[in-house]
């Protein structure tokens, strides 16, 4: 199962650690708010040997819609900051892979994780 992560704080890193060690999961990418760690690999940051790409992208240089289109995932896990509120309503649907149901990204989600 291909997985994408929004957020790479304590919870995001803990979940990334588990995903990277599981043979049936593949951490495709991580999208975080700041440029810190941009274009590095989560597996290298966490010190885990895995075949996953697990590249870290910054919200400042990569938007979620483009990331989902270029690197589709079957599961998107969201780990927002304390300030973020997630609302699943938006006028801009982004298609998930293997599903006809749209995944909707809100402005709060774009700026709040």
C-alpha atoms as a PDB file:
ATOM      1  CA  UNK A   1       0.000   0.000   0.000  1.00  0.00           C
ATOM      2  CA  UNK A   2       1.418   3.364  -1.032  1.00  0.00           C
ATOM      3  CA  UNK A   3       1.189   5.963   1.739  1.00  0.00           C
ATOM      4  CA  UNK A   4       1.694   9.722   1.888  1.00  0.00           C
ATOM      5  CA  UNK A   5       2.109  11.716   5.107  1.00  0.00           C
ATOM      6  CA  UNK A   6       1.105  15.305   5.780  1.00  0.00           C
ATOM      7  CA  UNK A   7       3.180  16.494   8.724  1.00  0.00           C
ATOM      8  CA  UNK A   8       6.462  15.237  10.144  1.00  0.00           C
ATOM      9  CA  UNK A   9       6.332  16.175  13.819  1.00  0.00           C
ATOM     10  CA  UNK A  10       6.431  13.650  16.661  1.00  0.00           C
ATOM     11  CA  UNK A  11       3.361  11.699  15.510  1.00  0.00           C
ATOM     12  CA  UNK A  12       4.299  11.855  11.812  1.00  0.00           C
ATOM     13  CA  UNK A  13       7.817  10.588  12.516  1.00  0.00           C
ATOM     14  CA  UNK A  14       6.512   7.768  14.716  1.00  0.00           C
ATOM     15  CA  UNK A  15       4.086   6.618  12.027  1.00  0.00           C
ATOM     16  CA  UNK A  16       6.730   6.976   9.292  1.00  0.00           C
ATOM     17  CA  UNK A  17       9.002   4.757  11.381  1.00  0.00           C
ATOM     18  CA  UNK A  18       6.362   2.003  11.499  1.00  0.00           C
ATOM     19  CA  UNK A  19       5.491   2.316   7.796  1.00  0.00           C
ATOM     20  CA  UNK A  20       9.137   2.126   6.717  1.00  0.00           C
ATOM     21  CA  UNK A  21       9.641  -1.093   8.691  1.00  0.00           C
ATOM     22  CA  UNK A  22       6.559  -2.845   7.296  1.00  0.00           C
ATOM     23  CA  UNK A  23       7.094  -4.831   4.098  1.00  0.00           C
ATOM     24  CA  UNK A  24       3.510  -4.414   2.870  1.00  0.00           C
ATOM     25  CA  UNK A  25       3.600  -0.597   3.116  1.00  0.00           C
ATOM     26  CA  UNK A  26       5.539   1.948   1.103  1.00  0.00           C
ATOM     27  CA  UNK A  27       6.074   5.500   2.342  1.00  0.00           C
ATOM     28  CA  UNK A  28       6.034   7.408  -0.929  1.00  0.00           C
ATOM     29  CA  UNK A  29       6.472  10.933   0.419  1.00  0.00           C
ATOM     30  CA  UNK A  30       6.093  13.324   3.334  1.00  0.00           C
ATOM     31  CA  UNK A  31       4.800  16.880   2.939  1.00  0.00           C
ATOM     32  CA  UNK A  32       5.682  19.294   5.721  1.00  0.00           C
ATOM     33  CA  UNK A  33       5.086  22.959   6.287  1.00  0.00           C
ATOM     34  CA  UNK A  34       8.677  24.236   6.434  1.00  0.00           C
ATOM     35  CA  UNK A  35      11.721  23.925   4.180  1.00  0.00           C
ATOM     36  CA  UNK A  36      13.672  22.072   6.881  1.00  0.00           C
ATOM     37  CA  UNK A  37      14.625  18.620   5.558  1.00  0.00           C
ATOM     38  CA  UNK A  38      13.259  19.463   2.090  1.00  0.00           C
ATOM     39  CA  UNK A  39      14.303  16.861  -0.541  1.00  0.00           C
ATOM     40  CA  UNK A  40      15.852  14.580   2.075  1.00  0.00           C
ATOM     41  CA  UNK A  41      14.515  11.101   2.768  1.00  0.00           C
ATOM     42  CA  UNK A  42      12.480  10.261   5.863  1.00  0.00           C
ATOM     43  CA  UNK A  43      14.241   6.893   6.046  1.00  0.00           C
ATOM     44  CA  UNK A  44      17.629   8.628   6.279  1.00  0.00           C
ATOM     45  CA  UNK A  45      16.371  11.091   8.907  1.00  0.00           C
ATOM     46  CA  UNK A  46      14.979   8.210  10.980  1.00  0.00           C
ATOM     47  CA  UNK A  47      17.977   5.938  10.345  1.00  0.00           C
ATOM     48  CA  UNK A  48      15.956   3.121   8.794  1.00  0.00           C
ATOM     49  CA  UNK A  49      17.090   0.926   5.924  1.00  0.00           C
ATOM     50  CA  UNK A  50      14.169   0.634   3.505  1.00  0.00           C
ATOM     51  CA  UNK A  51      13.529   0.565  -0.231  1.00  0.00           C
ATOM     52  CA  UNK A  52      10.833   3.263   0.026  1.00  0.00           C
ATOM     53  CA  UNK A  53      11.518   6.653  -1.562  1.00  0.00           C
ATOM     54  CA  UNK A  54      10.064   8.487   1.450  1.00  0.00           C
ATOM     55  CA  UNK A  55      11.130  11.887   0.093  1.00  0.00           C
ATOM     56  CA  UNK A  56      10.301  14.948   2.172  1.00  0.00           C
ATOM     57  CA  UNK A  57       8.698  17.896   0.380  1.00  0.00           C
ATOM     58  CA  UNK A  58       8.041  21.404   1.641  1.00  0.00           C
ATOM     59  CA  UNK A  59       4.680  23.084   1.349  1.00  0.00           C
ATOM     60  CA  UNK A  60       6.603  26.232   0.396  1.00  0.00           C
ATOM     61  CA  UNK A  61       7.782  24.678  -2.865  1.00  0.00           C
ATOM     62  CA  UNK A  62       5.294  21.833  -3.534  1.00  0.00           C
ATOM     63  CA  UNK A  63       1.510  21.956  -3.365  1.00  0.00           C
ATOM     64  CA  UNK A  64      -0.512  18.939  -2.303  1.00  0.00           C
ATOM     65  CA  UNK A  65      -2.497  18.715  -5.539  1.00  0.00           C
ATOM     66  CA  UNK A  66       0.651  18.434  -7.670  1.00  0.00           C
ATOM     67  CA  UNK A  67       2.201  15.947  -5.260  1.00  0.00           C
ATOM     68  CA  UNK A  68      -0.881  13.708  -5.388  1.00  0.00           C
ATOM     69  CA  UNK A  69      -1.021  13.901  -9.174  1.00  0.00           C
ATOM     70  CA  UNK A  70       2.717  13.190  -9.643  1.00  0.00           C
ATOM     71  CA  UNK A  71       3.045  10.616  -6.833  1.00  0.00           C
ATOM     72  CA  UNK A  72      -0.388   9.051  -6.167  1.00  0.00           C
ATOM     73  CA  UNK A  73      -0.967   7.172  -2.930  1.00  0.00           C
ATOM     74  CA  UNK A  74      -3.657   4.779  -1.755  1.00  0.00           C
ATOM     75  CA  UNK A  75      -3.667   6.201   1.783  1.00  0.00           C
ATOM     76  CA  UNK A  76      -3.068   9.746   2.966  1.00  0.00           C
ATOM     77  CA  UNK A  77      -2.331  10.205   6.675  1.00  0.00           C
ATOM     78  CA  UNK A  78      -2.659  13.691   8.110  1.00  0.00           C
ATOM     79  CA  UNK A  79      -0.811  14.867  11.219  1.00  0.00           C
ATOM     80  CA  UNK A  80      -1.667  18.557  11.618  1.00  0.00           C
ATOM     81  CA  UNK A  81      -0.142  21.032  14.031  1.00  0.00           C
ATOM     82  CA  UNK A  82      -2.070  22.032  17.136  1.00  0.00           C
ATOM     83  CA  UNK A  83      -3.340  25.120  15.322  1.00  0.00           C
ATOM     84  CA  UNK A  84      -4.755  23.230  12.359  1.00  0.00           C
ATOM     85  CA  UNK A  85      -8.364  22.324  11.891  1.00  0.00           C
ATOM     86  CA  UNK A  86      -9.266  19.863   9.195  1.00  0.00           C
ATOM     87  CA  UNK A  87     -12.474  20.218   7.287  1.00  0.00           C
ATOM     88  CA  UNK A  88     -13.332  17.842   4.497  1.00  0.00           C
ATOM     89  CA  UNK A  89     -15.146  20.310   2.264  1.00  0.00           C
ATOM     90  CA  UNK A  90     -13.668  22.142  -0.676  1.00  0.00           C
ATOM     91  CA  UNK A  91     -14.387  23.157  -4.223  1.00  0.00           C
ATOM     92  CA  UNK A  92     -11.101  21.655  -5.474  1.00  0.00           C
ATOM     93  CA  UNK A  93     -11.237  17.841  -5.577  1.00  0.00           C
ATOM     94  CA  UNK A  94      -8.061  15.840  -6.039  1.00  0.00           C
ATOM     95  CA  UNK A  95      -8.499  12.257  -7.209  1.00  0.00           C
ATOM     96  CA  UNK A  96      -7.099   9.456  -5.148  1.00  0.00           C
ATOM     97  CA  UNK A  97      -5.534   6.502  -6.892  1.00  0.00           C
ATOM     98  CA  UNK A  98      -7.687   3.376  -7.293  1.00  0.00           C
ATOM     99  CA  UNK A  99     -10.852   5.227  -6.358  1.00  0.00           C
ATOM    100  CA  UNK A 100     -13.538   7.166  -8.127  1.00  0.00           C
ATOM    101  CA  UNK A 101     -14.219   9.178  -4.968  1.00  0.00           C
ATOM    102  CA  UNK A 102     -12.473  12.565  -4.864  1.00  0.00           C
ATOM    103  CA  UNK A 103     -10.243  13.521  -1.974  1.00  0.00           C
ATOM    104  CA  UNK A 104     -10.950  17.123  -1.124  1.00  0.00           C
ATOM    105  CA  UNK A 105      -8.199  19.455   0.082  1.00  0.00           C
ATOM    106  CA  UNK A 106      -9.209  22.528   2.054  1.00  0.00           C
ATOM    107  CA  UNK A 107      -7.360  25.791   2.605  1.00  0.00           C
ATOM    108  CA  UNK A 108      -6.972  24.844   6.285  1.00  0.00           C
ATOM    109  CA  UNK A 109      -5.318  21.581   5.260  1.00  0.00           C
ATOM    110  CA  UNK A 110      -2.992  23.338   2.819  1.00  0.00           C
ATOM    111  CA  UNK A 111      -1.713  25.796   5.387  1.00  0.00           C
ATOM    112  CA  UNK A 112      -2.230  24.172   8.743  1.00  0.00           C
ATOM    113  CA  UNK A 113      -0.224  20.983   9.067  1.00  0.00           C
END
